[in-house]
Amino acid sequence: MAEYQLKTPLSDEDIQKLQIGDQVLLTGTIYMARDAAHKRMVELLEAGQPLPVDLKGEVIFYAGPCPPKPGQVIGPVAPTTAFRMDPFAPAMYEYGVKGTIGKGPRRDMVKQACKEFGAISFAAIGGLSTILSRRVKSQEVVAYDDLGPEAIRKLEVEDFPLLVAYDAHGQDLYEQEIAKYENYNLNKGVGI
């Protein structure tokens, strides 16, 4: 496992060097969008129409913010369960999205899409919502304002902490870790 400080937009070289388990501090522009926004975007792609925001080469954070307190840029932001976005992810990767951020395991179709389209799926830790929100330096709604907290937001982040969960080589961190712990001898404290 390696540690990287990366800036957006992520290059193909960045994507190819990342391996599952790598820790990444991401700085730059990312976009926040959830289920409703993804449904609309995939419908546009299927109809051959442009998206309201050009997300080619970008990273999408599956989250919705809580209302900010006075003086805050954004309220607490926790990653949404990425599995919910799986039906939309392959189309978004094919379109040109380079990375997504969520929490929890994903379906095989996402692992295959990451490999096929040279993309990455990051995990963010849900319990860190206050810390994650402090890493957001600015935010603005850029599309689908009618969706409220599910509108597409452009975020500027600094040292946003992430873990590579699915890489462009077809590796799956969750699959690897589950197998490791299934073979762990709890009585002796050693792997079998």
Protein backbone atom coordinates (compact mmCIF):
# COMPACT_ATOMS: atom_id res chain seq x y z
CA MET A 1 0.00 0.00 0.00
CA ALA A 2 1.27 3.40 -0.97
CA GLU A 3 0.31 6.96 -0.09
CA TYR A 4 -0.24 9.63 -2.71
CA GLN A 5 -1.06 13.32 -2.80
CA LEU A 6 -2.91 13.85 -6.08
CA LYS A 7 -4.51 16.82 -7.80
CA THR A 8 -7.52 16.78 -10.06
CA PRO A 9 -8.06 16.23 -12.86
CA LEU A 10 -6.57 12.76 -12.46
CA SER A 11 -4.40 11.68 -15.36
CA ASP A 12 -4.44 8.22 -16.93
CA GLU A 13 -0.98 7.79 -15.40
CA ASP A 14 -2.39 8.59 -11.93
CA ILE A 15 -5.19 6.05 -12.40
CA GLN A 16 -2.84 3.30 -13.63
CA LYS A 17 -0.41 3.62 -10.72
CA LEU A 18 -3.11 3.37 -8.05
CA GLN A 19 -3.68 -0.02 -6.43
CA ILE A 20 -6.36 -1.15 -4.01
CA GLY A 21 -5.53 -0.16 -0.45
CA ASP A 22 -3.54 2.92 -1.51
CA GLN A 23 -4.23 6.03 0.54
CA VAL A 24 -4.87 9.23 -1.40
CA LEU A 25 -5.10 12.85 -0.29
CA LEU A 26 -6.99 14.49 -3.16
CA THR A 27 -6.82 18.22 -3.88
CA GLY A 28 -8.72 20.16 -6.55
CA THR A 29 -12.19 20.06 -8.07
CA ILE A 30 -14.61 17.21 -7.48
CA TYR A 31 -18.34 17.03 -8.15
CA MET A 32 -21.00 15.89 -5.69
CA ALA A 33 -24.00 13.98 -7.04
CA ARG A 34 -26.33 11.23 -5.87
CA ASP A 35 -29.08 8.95 -7.19
CA ALA A 36 -31.53 11.46 -8.66
CA ALA A 37 -28.82 13.44 -10.48
CA HIS A 38 -27.24 10.24 -11.82
CA LYS A 39 -30.59 9.02 -13.12
CA ARG A 40 -31.07 12.25 -15.05
CA MET A 41 -27.50 12.23 -16.40
CA VAL A 42 -27.67 8.63 -17.62
CA GLU A 43 -31.02 9.36 -19.30
CA LEU A 44 -29.34 12.24 -21.15
CA LEU A 45 -26.41 10.03 -22.19
CA GLU A 46 -28.79 7.33 -23.43
CA ALA A 47 -30.63 9.98 -25.48
CA GLY A 48 -27.33 11.23 -26.98
CA GLN A 49 -27.66 14.61 -25.26
CA PRO A 50 -24.95 16.56 -23.42
CA LEU A 51 -24.77 16.59 -19.65
CA PRO A 52 -25.46 19.89 -17.85
CA VAL A 53 -21.85 19.78 -16.58
CA ASP A 54 -18.91 18.32 -18.49
CA LEU A 55 -17.71 15.54 -16.19
CA LYS A 56 -15.16 14.00 -18.55
CA GLY A 57 -11.97 13.39 -16.60
CA GLU A 58 -13.63 14.35 -13.31
CA VAL A 59 -14.25 12.67 -9.94
CA ILE A 60 -17.80 12.34 -8.56
CA PHE A 61 -18.41 12.20 -4.80
CA TYR A 62 -21.58 10.26 -3.96
CA ALA A 63 -22.88 12.45 -1.15
CA GLY A 64 -25.38 15.08 -0.15
CA PRO A 65 -24.50 17.83 2.30
CA CYS A 66 -26.26 18.69 5.54
CA PRO A 67 -27.13 22.38 5.94
CA PRO A 68 -24.07 24.42 6.96
CA LYS A 69 -23.85 26.31 10.23
CA PRO A 70 -23.00 30.01 10.04
CA GLY A 71 -19.43 30.43 8.86
CA GLN A 72 -19.18 26.92 7.34
CA VAL A 73 -18.56 26.39 3.63
CA ILE A 74 -20.67 23.23 3.72
CA GLY A 75 -22.39 21.16 6.38
CA PRO A 76 -21.21 17.67 7.30
CA VAL A 77 -20.83 15.46 4.21
CA ALA A 78 -20.78 11.71 4.43
CA PRO A 79 -20.31 9.37 1.49
CA THR A 80 -23.46 7.63 0.28
CA THR A 81 -23.48 3.85 -0.09
CA ALA A 82 -21.84 3.48 -3.49
CA PHE A 83 -23.86 0.33 -4.29
CA ARG A 84 -26.87 2.60 -4.90
CA MET A 85 -25.08 4.27 -7.82
CA ASP A 86 -23.91 1.00 -9.40
CA PRO A 87 -26.66 0.94 -12.08
CA PHE A 88 -25.36 4.31 -13.34
CA ALA A 89 -21.60 3.91 -12.82
CA PRO A 90 -20.65 1.98 -15.98
CA ALA A 91 -22.34 4.59 -18.22
CA MET A 92 -20.62 7.41 -16.33
CA TYR A 93 -17.19 5.73 -16.60
CA GLU A 94 -17.78 5.09 -20.30
CA TYR A 95 -18.69 8.77 -20.71
CA GLY A 96 -15.30 9.70 -19.23
CA VAL A 97 -15.65 10.08 -15.46
CA LYS A 98 -12.25 9.06 -14.02
CA GLY A 99 -13.24 8.33 -10.45
CA THR A 100 -16.04 8.03 -7.95
CA ILE A 101 -16.12 8.30 -4.16
CA GLY A 102 -18.56 6.39 -1.97
CA LYS A 103 -18.63 3.85 0.81
CA GLY A 104 -19.04 0.11 0.88
CA PRO A 105 -18.68 -2.71 -1.63
CA ARG A 106 -19.87 -2.46 -5.22
CA ARG A 107 -21.17 -4.88 -7.83
CA ASP A 108 -18.94 -6.73 -10.29
CA MET A 109 -20.16 -4.50 -13.13
CA VAL A 110 -18.39 -1.55 -11.47
CA LYS A 111 -15.16 -3.50 -11.06
CA GLN A 112 -15.33 -4.44 -14.75
CA ALA A 113 -16.16 -0.86 -15.81
CA CYS A 114 -13.16 0.50 -13.85
CA LYS A 115 -10.91 -1.93 -15.70
CA GLU A 116 -12.51 -1.40 -19.11
CA PHE A 117 -12.59 2.40 -19.00
CA GLY A 118 -9.45 3.10 -16.92
CA ALA A 119 -11.29 4.48 -13.91
CA ILE A 120 -11.10 4.18 -10.13
CA SER A 121 -13.56 3.84 -7.27
CA PHE A 122 -12.47 5.40 -3.99
CA ALA A 123 -13.87 4.76 -0.53
CA ALA A 124 -14.33 7.55 2.00
CA ILE A 125 -15.03 6.80 5.63
CA GLY A 126 -18.60 7.66 6.59
CA GLY A 127 -17.84 8.46 10.23
CA LEU A 128 -15.54 11.28 9.14
CA SER A 129 -18.28 13.60 7.86
CA THR A 130 -17.18 16.59 9.92
CA ILE A 131 -13.55 16.08 8.95
CA LEU A 132 -14.47 15.64 5.28
CA SER A 133 -16.54 18.85 5.33
CA ARG A 134 -13.52 20.77 6.69
CA ARG A 135 -11.54 19.67 3.61
CA VAL A 136 -14.09 21.39 1.34
CA LYS A 137 -12.83 24.92 0.62
CA SER A 138 -15.72 26.06 -1.60
CA GLN A 139 -18.93 24.69 -3.08
CA GLU A 140 -21.54 25.79 -5.56
CA VAL A 141 -24.59 24.21 -7.16
CA VAL A 142 -23.88 23.77 -10.87
CA ALA A 143 -26.90 21.74 -12.05
CA TYR A 144 -30.28 20.38 -10.99
CA ASP A 145 -30.92 22.97 -8.29
CA ASP A 146 -34.48 21.60 -8.03
CA LEU A 147 -33.06 18.44 -6.42
CA GLY A 148 -32.03 20.31 -3.27
CA PRO A 149 -29.36 18.30 -1.42
CA GLU A 150 -29.10 15.96 -4.43
CA ALA A 151 -28.22 18.78 -6.85
CA ILE A 152 -24.85 18.56 -8.60
CA ARG A 153 -22.31 20.62 -6.68
CA LYS A 154 -18.82 21.64 -7.66
CA LEU A 155 -16.47 21.33 -4.69
CA GLU A 156 -12.92 22.55 -4.23
CA VAL A 157 -11.21 20.20 -1.80
CA GLU A 158 -7.82 20.09 -0.14
CA ASP A 159 -6.21 16.86 1.10
CA PHE A 160 -9.51 14.98 0.92
CA PRO A 161 -8.70 11.56 2.49
CA LEU A 162 -9.57 8.52 0.36
CA LEU A 163 -8.77 4.84 0.02
CA VAL A 164 -8.59 3.04 -3.33
CA ALA A 165 -11.34 0.39 -3.17
CA TYR A 166 -11.50 -0.67 -6.85
CA ASP A 167 -8.63 0.01 -9.22
CA ALA A 168 -8.22 0.10 -13.00
CA HIS A 169 -6.60 -3.35 -12.89
CA GLY A 170 -9.77 -5.17 -11.79
CA GLN A 171 -8.76 -5.51 -8.15
CA ASP A 172 -11.38 -5.30 -5.37
CA LEU A 173 -10.28 -4.24 -1.87
CA TYR A 174 -13.42 -5.60 -0.22
CA GLU A 175 -13.05 -9.00 -1.87
CA GLN A 176 -9.38 -9.17 -0.85
CA GLU A 177 -9.99 -8.15 2.75
CA ILE A 178 -12.96 -10.50 3.24
CA ALA A 179 -10.87 -13.42 1.98
CA LYS A 180 -8.01 -12.43 4.28
CA TYR A 181 -10.21 -12.39 7.37
CA GLU A 182 -12.09 -15.57 6.42
CA ASN A 183 -8.72 -17.33 6.58
CA TYR A 184 -7.77 -15.81 9.91
CA ASN A 185 -7.48 -18.18 12.87
CA LEU A 186 -9.07 -16.29 15.75
CA ASN A 187 -7.78 -18.74 18.36
CA LYS A 188 -4.14 -18.38 17.41
CA GLY A 189 -4.18 -14.85 16.01
CA VAL A 190 -2.47 -15.89 12.80
CA GLY A 191 -3.53 -16.40 9.23
CA ILE A 192 -4.28 -19.97 8.22
